[in-house]
Protein backbone atom coordinates (compact mmCIF):
# COMPACT_ATOMS: atom_id res chain seq x y z
CA UNK A 1 0.00 0.00 0.00
CA UNK A 2 1.32 3.44 -0.87
CA UNK A 3 1.62 6.16 1.77
CA UNK A 4 -0.88 8.41 0.00
CA UNK A 5 -3.48 5.65 -0.12
CA UNK A 6 -3.12 5.24 3.65
CA UNK A 7 -3.22 9.01 4.23
CA UNK A 8 -6.60 9.25 2.49
CA UNK A 9 -8.02 7.32 5.46
CA UNK A 10 -6.80 10.09 7.80
CA UNK A 11 -8.16 13.17 6.02
CA UNK A 12 -9.59 15.74 8.47
CA UNK A 13 -7.41 14.33 11.30
CA UNK A 14 -4.73 16.10 13.34
CA UNK A 15 -1.17 14.87 12.88
CA UNK A 16 2.49 15.77 12.55
CA UNK A 17 3.99 15.72 9.07
CA UNK A 18 7.71 16.04 8.31
CA UNK A 19 8.68 16.75 4.74
CA UNK A 20 11.94 17.54 2.93
CA UNK A 21 12.11 21.20 4.02
CA UNK A 22 10.19 21.27 7.31
CA UNK A 23 7.75 19.66 9.69
CA UNK A 24 4.61 20.90 11.42
CA UNK A 25 1.58 19.89 13.47
CA UNK A 26 -1.78 20.43 11.86
CA UNK A 27 -4.84 19.00 10.16
CA UNK A 28 -4.70 16.98 6.96
CA UNK A 29 -7.31 18.49 4.65
CA UNK A 30 -6.70 16.51 1.46
CA UNK A 31 -4.38 13.70 0.37
CA UNK A 32 -3.89 13.27 -3.37
CA UNK A 33 -1.42 11.50 -5.63
CA UNK A 34 0.51 14.67 -6.44
CA UNK A 35 0.09 16.79 -3.28
CA UNK A 36 -1.40 16.95 0.20
CA UNK A 37 -3.16 19.99 1.64
CA UNK A 38 -2.23 20.56 5.27
CA UNK A 39 -3.50 23.29 7.64
CA UNK A 40 -0.63 24.15 10.00
CA UNK A 41 -1.46 24.91 13.65
CA UNK A 42 0.60 27.34 15.72
CA UNK A 43 1.30 25.27 18.85
CA UNK A 44 1.47 28.33 21.14
CA UNK A 45 -1.84 29.95 20.14
CA UNK A 46 -3.59 26.81 18.82
CA UNK A 47 -4.74 28.82 15.80
CA UNK A 48 -4.37 27.82 12.17
CA UNK A 49 -1.37 29.77 10.89
CA UNK A 50 -1.16 28.72 7.25
CA UNK A 51 -2.14 26.17 4.64
CA UNK A 52 0.70 24.20 3.06
CA UNK A 53 0.55 22.19 -0.16
CA UNK A 54 3.23 19.48 0.02
CA UNK A 55 4.39 17.49 -2.98
CA UNK A 56 3.59 13.91 -1.95
CA UNK A 57 7.00 12.34 -2.73
CA UNK A 58 8.65 14.85 -0.33
CA UNK A 59 6.83 13.51 2.76
CA UNK A 60 9.30 11.78 5.07
CA UNK A 61 7.38 11.10 8.28
CA UNK A 62 3.84 11.19 9.64
CA UNK A 63 2.79 10.86 13.29
CA UNK A 64 -0.92 10.33 13.86
CA UNK A 65 -0.92 9.54 17.59
CA UNK A 66 1.06 10.47 20.67
CA UNK A 67 0.96 12.92 23.54
CA UNK A 68 1.43 16.06 21.43
CA UNK A 69 -1.32 15.08 19.00
CA UNK A 70 -3.67 14.27 21.90
CA UNK A 71 -2.97 17.70 23.41
CA UNK A 72 -3.77 19.43 20.11
CA UNK A 73 -7.03 17.48 19.73
CA UNK A 74 -8.02 18.36 23.32
CA UNK A 75 -7.18 22.06 22.86
CA UNK A 76 -9.05 22.28 19.55
CA UNK A 77 -12.03 20.44 21.04
CA UNK A 78 -12.21 22.85 23.97
CA UNK A 79 -12.13 25.82 21.56
CA UNK A 80 -15.07 24.35 19.62
CA UNK A 81 -17.06 23.98 22.84
CA UNK A 82 -16.37 27.59 23.85
CA UNK A 83 -17.23 28.92 20.38
CA UNK A 84 -20.56 27.08 20.35
CA UNK A 85 -21.61 28.60 23.70
CA UNK A 86 -20.65 32.15 22.76
PDB file of N, CA and C in Angstrom:
ATOM      1  N   UNK A   1       0.844  -1.178   0.000  1.00  0.00           N
ATOM      2  CA  UNK A   1       0.000   0.000   0.000  1.00  0.00           C
ATOM      3  C   UNK A   1       0.890   1.242   0.000  1.00  0.00           C
ATOM      4  N   UNK A   2       0.557   2.195  -0.811  1.00  0.00           N
ATOM      5  CA  UNK A   2       1.317   3.439  -0.870  1.00  0.00           C
ATOM      6  C   UNK A   2       0.927   4.358   0.291  1.00  0.00           C
ATOM      7  N   UNK A   3       1.850   5.222   0.661  1.00  0.00           N
ATOM      8  CA  UNK A   3       1.617   6.158   1.770  1.00  0.00           C
ATOM      9  C   UNK A   3       0.388   7.024   1.512  1.00  0.00           C
ATOM     10  N   UNK A   4       0.236   7.528   0.303  1.00  0.00           N
ATOM     11  CA  UNK A   4      -0.882   8.411  -0.001  1.00  0.00           C
ATOM     12  C   UNK A   4      -2.213   7.676   0.130  1.00  0.00           C
ATOM     13  N   UNK A   5      -2.255   6.431  -0.271  1.00  0.00           N
ATOM     14  CA  UNK A   5      -3.482   5.652  -0.116  1.00  0.00           C
ATOM     15  C   UNK A   5      -3.861   5.533   1.363  1.00  0.00           C
ATOM     16  N   UNK A   6      -2.876   5.321   2.207  1.00  0.00           N
ATOM     17  CA  UNK A   6      -3.123   5.236   3.651  1.00  0.00           C
ATOM     18  C   UNK A   6      -3.538   6.589   4.216  1.00  0.00           C
ATOM     19  N   UNK A   7      -2.892   7.658   3.737  1.00  0.00           N
ATOM     20  CA  UNK A   7      -3.221   9.006   4.228  1.00  0.00           C
ATOM     21  C   UNK A   7      -4.659   9.399   3.934  1.00  0.00           C
ATOM     22  N   UNK A   8      -5.206   8.927   2.828  1.00  0.00           N
ATOM     23  CA  UNK A   8      -6.595   9.247   2.489  1.00  0.00           C
ATOM     24  C   UNK A   8      -7.551   8.827   3.609  1.00  0.00           C
ATOM     25  N   UNK A   9      -7.195   7.783   4.341  1.00  0.00           N
ATOM     26  CA  UNK A   9      -8.016   7.323   5.464  1.00  0.00           C
ATOM     27  C   UNK A   9      -7.985   8.310   6.629  1.00  0.00           C
ATOM     28  N   UNK A  10      -6.988   9.184   6.668  1.00  0.00           N
ATOM     29  CA  UNK A  10      -6.804  10.089   7.799  1.00  0.00           C
ATOM     30  C   UNK A  10      -7.093  11.545   7.459  1.00  0.00           C
ATOM     31  N   UNK A  11      -7.784  11.791   6.336  1.00  0.00           N
ATOM     32  CA  UNK A  11      -8.158  13.167   6.019  1.00  0.00           C
ATOM     33  C   UNK A  11      -9.028  13.728   7.135  1.00  0.00           C
ATOM     34  N   UNK A  12      -8.876  15.014   7.413  1.00  0.00           N
ATOM     35  CA  UNK A  12      -9.588  15.740   8.471  1.00  0.00           C
ATOM     36  C   UNK A  12      -9.144  15.331   9.875  1.00  0.00           C
ATOM     37  N   UNK A  13      -7.969  14.717  10.006  1.00  0.00           N
ATOM     38  CA  UNK A  13      -7.411  14.328  11.297  1.00  0.00           C
ATOM     39  C   UNK A  13      -6.209  15.215  11.622  1.00  0.00           C
ATOM     40  N   UNK A  14      -5.915  15.359  12.908  1.00  0.00           N
ATOM     41  CA  UNK A  14      -4.735  16.101  13.343  1.00  0.00           C
ATOM     42  C   UNK A  14      -3.535  15.170  13.357  1.00  0.00           C
ATOM     43  N   UNK A  15      -2.371  15.695  12.964  1.00  0.00           N
ATOM     44  CA  UNK A  15      -1.170  14.870  12.877  1.00  0.00           C
ATOM     45  C   UNK A  15       0.060  15.755  12.781  1.00  0.00           C
ATOM     46  N   UNK A  16       1.211  15.105  12.803  1.00  0.00           N
ATOM     47  CA  UNK A  16       2.486  15.769  12.549  1.00  0.00           C
ATOM     48  C   UNK A  16       3.018  15.229  11.230  1.00  0.00           C
ATOM     49  N   UNK A  17       3.395  16.129  10.335  1.00  0.00           N
ATOM     50  CA  UNK A  17       3.994  15.721   9.065  1.00  0.00           C
ATOM     51  C   UNK A  17       5.369  16.363   8.950  1.00  0.00           C
ATOM     52  N   UNK A  18       6.368  15.536   8.620  1.00  0.00           N
ATOM     53  CA  UNK A  18       7.706  16.041   8.313  1.00  0.00           C
ATOM     54  C   UNK A  18       7.940  15.802   6.831  1.00  0.00           C
ATOM     55  N   UNK A  19       8.358  16.867   6.149  1.00  0.00           N
ATOM     56  CA  UNK A  19       8.678  16.752   4.735  1.00  0.00           C
ATOM     57  C   UNK A  19      10.083  17.262   4.494  1.00  0.00           C
ATOM     58  N   UNK A  20      10.540  17.270   3.264  1.00  0.00           N
ATOM     59  CA  UNK A  20      11.943  17.543   2.929  1.00  0.00           C
ATOM     60  C   UNK A  20      12.459  18.867   3.491  1.00  0.00           C
ATOM     61  N   UNK A  21      11.620  19.882   3.586  1.00  0.00           N
ATOM     62  CA  UNK A  21      12.105  21.198   4.021  1.00  0.00           C
ATOM     63  C   UNK A  21      11.516  21.661   5.347  1.00  0.00           C
ATOM     64  N   UNK A  22      10.760  20.830   6.042  1.00  0.00           N
ATOM     65  CA  UNK A  22      10.188  21.269   7.311  1.00  0.00           C
ATOM     66  C   UNK A  22       9.329  20.190   7.937  1.00  0.00           C
ATOM     67  N   UNK A  23       8.658  20.565   8.998  1.00  0.00           N
ATOM     68  CA  UNK A  23       7.749  19.661   9.686  1.00  0.00           C
ATOM     69  C   UNK A  23       6.846  20.464  10.598  1.00  0.00           C
ATOM     70  N   UNK A  24       5.568  20.131  10.639  1.00  0.00           N
ATOM     71  CA  UNK A  24       4.606  20.903  11.415  1.00  0.00           C
ATOM     72  C   UNK A  24       3.485  20.013  11.930  1.00  0.00           C
ATOM     73  N   UNK A  25       2.815  20.491  12.998  1.00  0.00           N
ATOM     74  CA  UNK A  25       1.575  19.891  13.472  1.00  0.00           C
ATOM     75  C   UNK A  25       0.432  20.581  12.748  1.00  0.00           C
ATOM     76  N   UNK A  26      -0.637  19.826  12.511  1.00  0.00           N
ATOM     77  CA  UNK A  26      -1.783  20.435  11.863  1.00  0.00           C
ATOM     78  C   UNK A  26      -2.848  19.418  11.515  1.00  0.00           C
ATOM     79  N   UNK A  27      -3.704  19.821  10.577  1.00  0.00           N
ATOM     80  CA  UNK A  27      -4.835  19.003  10.165  1.00  0.00           C
ATOM     81  C   UNK A  27      -4.698  18.685   8.680  1.00  0.00           C
ATOM     82  N   UNK A  28      -4.768  17.410   8.348  1.00  0.00           N
ATOM     83  CA  UNK A  28      -4.704  16.981   6.959  1.00  0.00           C
ATOM     84  C   UNK A  28      -6.054  17.252   6.310  1.00  0.00           C
ATOM     85  N   UNK A  29      -6.071  18.135   5.325  1.00  0.00           N
ATOM     86  CA  UNK A  29      -7.315  18.487   4.654  1.00  0.00           C
ATOM     87  C   UNK A  29      -7.578  17.559   3.477  1.00  0.00           C
ATOM     88  N   UNK A  30      -6.546  17.309   2.679  1.00  0.00           N
ATOM     89  CA  UNK A  30      -6.702  16.513   1.463  1.00  0.00           C
ATOM     90  C   UNK A  30      -5.416  15.747   1.184  1.00  0.00           C
ATOM     91  N   UNK A  31      -5.540  14.499   0.768  1.00  0.00           N
ATOM     92  CA  UNK A  31      -4.383  13.700   0.365  1.00  0.00           C
ATOM     93  C   UNK A  31      -4.613  13.211  -1.062  1.00  0.00           C
ATOM     94  N   UNK A  32      -3.774  13.667  -1.975  1.00  0.00           N
ATOM     95  CA  UNK A  32      -3.889  13.268  -3.370  1.00  0.00           C
ATOM     96  C   UNK A  32      -2.588  12.670  -3.859  1.00  0.00           C
ATOM     97  N   UNK A  33      -2.614  12.142  -5.074  1.00  0.00           N
ATOM     98  CA  UNK A  33      -1.422  11.500  -5.628  1.00  0.00           C
ATOM     99  C   UNK A  33      -0.269  12.473  -5.831  1.00  0.00           C
ATOM    100  N   UNK A  34      -0.574  13.727  -6.159  1.00  0.00           N
ATOM    101  CA  UNK A  34       0.509  14.672  -6.439  1.00  0.00           C
ATOM    102  C   UNK A  34       0.800  15.631  -5.293  1.00  0.00           C
ATOM    103  N   UNK A  35      -0.159  15.894  -4.408  1.00  0.00           N
ATOM    104  CA  UNK A  35       0.092  16.786  -3.277  1.00  0.00           C
ATOM    105  C   UNK A  35      -0.863  16.469  -2.132  1.00  0.00           C
ATOM    106  N   UNK A  36      -0.494  16.967  -0.939  1.00  0.00           N
ATOM    107  CA  UNK A  36      -1.404  16.949   0.205  1.00  0.00           C
ATOM    108  C   UNK A  36      -1.621  18.389   0.651  1.00  0.00           C
ATOM    109  N   UNK A  37      -2.837  18.673   1.094  1.00  0.00           N
ATOM    110  CA  UNK A  37      -3.164  19.985   1.643  1.00  0.00           C
ATOM    111  C   UNK A  37      -3.200  19.841   3.151  1.00  0.00           C
ATOM    112  N   UNK A  38      -2.446  20.701   3.832  1.00  0.00           N
ATOM    113  CA  UNK A  38      -2.233  20.563   5.267  1.00  0.00           C
ATOM    114  C   UNK A  38      -2.382  21.928   5.926  1.00  0.00           C
ATOM    115  N   UNK A  39      -3.315  22.057   6.880  1.00  0.00           N
ATOM    116  CA  UNK A  39      -3.495  23.290   7.643  1.00  0.00           C
ATOM    117  C   UNK A  39      -2.596  23.242   8.873  1.00  0.00           C
ATOM    118  N   UNK A  40      -1.612  24.111   8.908  1.00  0.00           N
ATOM    119  CA  UNK A  40      -0.632  24.154   9.996  1.00  0.00           C
ATOM    120  C   UNK A  40      -1.232  24.871  11.204  1.00  0.00           C
ATOM    121  N   UNK A  41      -0.990  24.310  12.399  1.00  0.00           N
ATOM    122  CA  UNK A  41      -1.463  24.906  13.653  1.00  0.00           C
ATOM    123  C   UNK A  41      -0.273  25.474  14.408  1.00  0.00           C
ATOM    124  N   UNK A  42      -0.401  26.726  14.856  1.00  0.00           N
ATOM    125  CA  UNK A  42       0.598  27.336  15.720  1.00  0.00           C
ATOM    126  C   UNK A  42       0.411  26.720  17.105  1.00  0.00           C
ATOM    127  N   UNK A  43       1.407  26.011  17.583  1.00  0.00           N
ATOM    128  CA  UNK A  43       1.299  25.273  18.849  1.00  0.00           C
ATOM    129  C   UNK A  43       1.069  26.201  20.036  1.00  0.00           C
ATOM    130  N   UNK A  44       1.614  27.410  20.011  1.00  0.00           N
ATOM    131  CA  UNK A  44       1.468  28.333  21.139  1.00  0.00           C
ATOM    132  C   UNK A  44       0.051  28.894  21.242  1.00  0.00           C
ATOM    133  N   UNK A  45      -0.516  29.331  20.118  1.00  0.00           N
ATOM    134  CA  UNK A  45      -1.836  29.955  20.140  1.00  0.00           C
ATOM    135  C   UNK A  45      -2.967  28.992  19.796  1.00  0.00           C
ATOM    136  N   UNK A  46      -2.619  27.803  19.264  1.00  0.00           N
ATOM    137  CA  UNK A  46      -3.587  26.806  18.815  1.00  0.00           C
ATOM    138  C   UNK A  46      -4.518  27.363  17.738  1.00  0.00           C
ATOM    139  N   UNK A  47      -4.014  28.275  16.941  1.00  0.00           N
ATOM    140  CA  UNK A  47      -4.745  28.824  15.802  1.00  0.00           C
ATOM    141  C   UNK A  47      -4.114  28.313  14.524  1.00  0.00           C
ATOM    142  N   UNK A  48      -4.927  28.192  13.474  1.00  0.00           N
ATOM    143  CA  UNK A  48      -4.370  27.825  12.174  1.00  0.00           C
ATOM    144  C   UNK A  48      -3.519  28.982  11.670  1.00  0.00           C
ATOM    145  N   UNK A  49      -2.269  28.698  11.308  1.00  0.00           N
ATOM    146  CA  UNK A  49      -1.369  29.766  10.891  1.00  0.00           C
ATOM    147  C   UNK A  49      -1.191  29.846   9.383  1.00  0.00           C
ATOM    148  N   UNK A  50      -1.319  28.717   8.693  1.00  0.00           N
ATOM    149  CA  UNK A  50      -1.158  28.721   7.246  1.00  0.00           C
ATOM    150  C   UNK A  50      -1.629  27.401   6.671  1.00  0.00           C
ATOM    151  N   UNK A  51      -1.853  27.401   5.366  1.00  0.00           N
ATOM    152  CA  UNK A  51      -2.144  26.170   4.637  1.00  0.00           C
ATOM    153  C   UNK A  51      -0.945  25.863   3.757  1.00  0.00           C
ATOM    154  N   UNK A  52      -0.485  24.614   3.813  1.00  0.00           N
ATOM    155  CA  UNK A  52       0.697  24.200   3.058  1.00  0.00           C
ATOM    156  C   UNK A  52       0.271  23.115   2.078  1.00  0.00           C
ATOM    157  N   UNK A  53       0.742  23.238   0.848  1.00  0.00           N
ATOM    158  CA  UNK A  53       0.554  22.190  -0.155  1.00  0.00           C
ATOM    159  C   UNK A  53       1.909  21.503  -0.315  1.00  0.00           C
ATOM    160  N   UNK A  54       1.974  20.226   0.014  1.00  0.00           N
ATOM    161  CA  UNK A  54       3.233  19.483   0.023  1.00  0.00           C
ATOM    162  C   UNK A  54       3.214  18.468  -1.116  1.00  0.00           C
ATOM    163  N   UNK A  55       4.248  18.481  -1.914  1.00  0.00           N
ATOM    164  CA  UNK A  55       4.391  17.488  -2.983  1.00  0.00           C
ATOM    165  C   UNK A  55       4.540  16.114  -2.329  1.00  0.00           C
ATOM    166  N   UNK A  56       3.656  15.199  -2.643  1.00  0.00           N
ATOM    167  CA  UNK A  56       3.586  13.905  -1.954  1.00  0.00           C
ATOM    168  C   UNK A  56       4.908  13.155  -1.838  1.00  0.00           C
ATOM    169  N   UNK A  57       5.739  13.087  -2.879  1.00  0.00           N
ATOM    170  CA  UNK A  57       7.001  12.343  -2.730  1.00  0.00           C
ATOM    171  C   UNK A  57       7.979  12.954  -1.720  1.00  0.00           C
ATOM    172  N   UNK A  58       7.746  14.198  -1.284  1.00  0.00           N
ATOM    173  CA  UNK A  58       8.647  14.845  -0.327  1.00  0.00           C
ATOM    174  C   UNK A  58       8.330  14.516   1.132  1.00  0.00           C
ATOM    175  N   UNK A  59       7.222  13.842   1.390  1.00  0.00           N
ATOM    176  CA  UNK A  59       6.831  13.511   2.761  1.00  0.00           C
ATOM    177  C   UNK A  59       7.752  12.427   3.295  1.00  0.00           C
ATOM    178  N   UNK A  60       8.347  12.701   4.463  1.00  0.00           N
ATOM    179  CA  UNK A  60       9.300  11.779   5.072  1.00  0.00           C
ATOM    180  C   UNK A  60       8.730  11.026   6.268  1.00  0.00           C
ATOM    181  N   UNK A  61       7.866  11.694   7.035  1.00  0.00           N
ATOM    182  CA  UNK A  61       7.383  11.098   8.280  1.00  0.00           C
ATOM    183  C   UNK A  61       5.998  11.639   8.607  1.00  0.00           C
ATOM    184  N   UNK A  62       5.163  10.777   9.192  1.00  0.00           N
ATOM    185  CA  UNK A  62       3.840  11.189   9.641  1.00  0.00           C
ATOM    186  C   UNK A  62       3.589  10.556  11.005  1.00  0.00           C
ATOM    187  N   UNK A  63       3.162  11.365  11.967  1.00  0.00           N
ATOM    188  CA  UNK A  63       2.788  10.864  13.291  1.00  0.00           C
ATOM    189  C   UNK A  63       1.314  11.180  13.508  1.00  0.00           C
ATOM    190  N   UNK A  64       0.522  10.147  13.728  1.00  0.00           N
ATOM    191  CA  UNK A  64      -0.921  10.329  13.862  1.00  0.00           C
ATOM    192  C   UNK A  64      -1.343  10.284  15.328  1.00  0.00           C
ATOM    193  N   UNK A  65      -0.583   9.635  16.182  1.00  0.00           N
ATOM    194  CA  UNK A  65      -0.918   9.537  17.593  1.00  0.00           C
ATOM    195  C   UNK A  65       0.211  10.081  18.450  1.00  0.00           C
ATOM    196  N   UNK A  66       0.041  10.014  19.733  1.00  0.00           N
ATOM    197  CA  UNK A  66       1.059  10.468  20.667  1.00  0.00           C
ATOM    198  C   UNK A  66       0.549  11.581  21.559  1.00  0.00           C
ATOM    199  N   UNK A  67       1.357  11.929  22.539  1.00  0.00           N
ATOM    200  CA  UNK A  67       0.959  12.920  23.538  1.00  0.00           C
ATOM    201  C   UNK A  67       0.718  14.296  22.924  1.00  0.00           C
ATOM    202  N   UNK A  68       1.596  14.736  22.031  1.00  0.00           N
ATOM    203  CA  UNK A  68       1.429  16.057  21.427  1.00  0.00           C
ATOM    204  C   UNK A  68       0.160  16.131  20.579  1.00  0.00           C
ATOM    205  N   UNK A  69      -0.115  15.102  19.830  1.00  0.00           N
ATOM    206  CA  UNK A  69      -1.320  15.079  18.997  1.00  0.00           C
ATOM    207  C   UNK A  69      -2.557  15.080  19.885  1.00  0.00           C
ATOM    208  N   UNK A  70      -2.540  14.310  20.966  1.00  0.00           N
ATOM    209  CA  UNK A  70      -3.668  14.275  21.898  1.00  0.00           C
ATOM    210  C   UNK A  70      -3.916  15.645  22.513  1.00  0.00           C
ATOM    211  N   UNK A  71      -2.831  16.353  22.842  1.00  0.00           N
ATOM    212  CA  UNK A  71      -2.975  17.702  23.413  1.00  0.00           C
ATOM    213  C   UNK A  71      -3.611  18.651  22.404  1.00  0.00           C
ATOM    214  N   UNK A  72      -3.204  18.559  21.150  1.00  0.00           N
ATOM    215  CA  UNK A  72      -3.773  19.426  20.110  1.00  0.00           C
ATOM    216  C   UNK A  72      -5.257  19.131  19.931  1.00  0.00           C
ATOM    217  N   UNK A  73      -5.621  17.848  19.877  1.00  0.00           N
ATOM    218  CA  UNK A  73      -7.026  17.476  19.733  1.00  0.00           C
ATOM    219  C   UNK A  73      -7.839  18.002  20.916  1.00  0.00           C
ATOM    220  N   UNK A  74      -7.313  17.875  22.133  1.00  0.00           N
ATOM    221  CA  UNK A  74      -8.016  18.361  23.321  1.00  0.00           C
ATOM    222  C   UNK A  74      -8.174  19.875  23.280  1.00  0.00           C
ATOM    223  N   UNK A  75      -7.116  20.587  22.932  1.00  0.00           N
ATOM    224  CA  UNK A  75      -7.176  22.056  22.856  1.00  0.00           C
ATOM    225  C   UNK A  75      -8.181  22.510  21.800  1.00  0.00           C
ATOM    226  N   UNK A  76      -8.138  21.893  20.616  1.00  0.00           N
ATOM    227  CA  UNK A  76      -9.047  22.284  19.549  1.00  0.00           C
ATOM    228  C   UNK A  76     -10.483  21.935  19.925  1.00  0.00           C
ATOM    229  N   UNK A  77     -10.695  20.822  20.605  1.00  0.00           N
ATOM    230  CA  UNK A  77     -12.035  20.440  21.041  1.00  0.00           C
ATOM    231  C   UNK A  77     -12.585  21.427  22.057  1.00  0.00           C
ATOM    232  N   UNK A  78     -11.745  21.890  22.967  1.00  0.00           N
ATOM    233  CA  UNK A  78     -12.213  22.854  23.968  1.00  0.00           C
ATOM    234  C   UNK A  78     -12.546  24.184  23.316  1.00  0.00           C
ATOM    235  N   UNK A  79     -11.830  24.572  22.276  1.00  0.00           N
ATOM    236  CA  UNK A  79     -12.135  25.815  21.561  1.00  0.00           C
ATOM    237  C   UNK A  79     -13.471  25.709  20.841  1.00  0.00           C
ATOM    238  N   UNK A  80     -13.784  24.546  20.294  1.00  0.00           N
ATOM    239  CA  UNK A  80     -15.067  24.349  19.616  1.00  0.00           C
ATOM    240  C   UNK A  80     -16.197  24.485  20.625  1.00  0.00           C
ATOM    241  N   UNK A  81     -16.035  23.900  21.808  1.00  0.00           N
ATOM    242  CA  UNK A  81     -17.057  23.975  22.843  1.00  0.00           C
ATOM    243  C   UNK A  81     -17.303  25.414  23.270  1.00  0.00           C
ATOM    244  N   UNK A  82     -16.241  26.187  23.441  1.00  0.00           N
ATOM    245  CA  UNK A  82     -16.367  27.588  23.855  1.00  0.00           C
ATOM    246  C   UNK A  82     -17.037  28.402  22.760  1.00  0.00           C
ATOM    247  N   UNK A  83     -16.655  28.187  21.492  1.00  0.00           N
ATOM    248  CA  UNK A  83     -17.232  28.923  20.375  1.00  0.00           C
ATOM    249  C   UNK A  83     -18.721  28.646  20.216  1.00  0.00           C
ATOM    250  N   UNK A  84     -19.156  27.429  20.484  1.00  0.00           N
ATOM    251  CA  UNK A  84     -20.563  27.084  20.352  1.00  0.00           C
ATOM    252  C   UNK A  84     -21.417  27.751  21.410  1.00  0.00           C
ATOM    253  N   UNK A  85     -20.865  27.956  22.615  1.00  0.00           N
ATOM    254  CA  UNK A  85     -21.606  28.596  23.697  1.00  0.00           C
ATOM    255  C   UNK A  85     -21.737  30.095  23.503  1.00  0.00           C
ATOM    256  N   UNK A  86     -20.702  30.683  22.880  1.00  0.00           N
ATOM    257  CA  UNK A  86     -20.651  32.151  22.762  1.00  0.00           C
ATOM    258  C   UNK A  86     -21.410  32.690  21.669  1.00  0.00           C
TER     259      UNK A  86
END
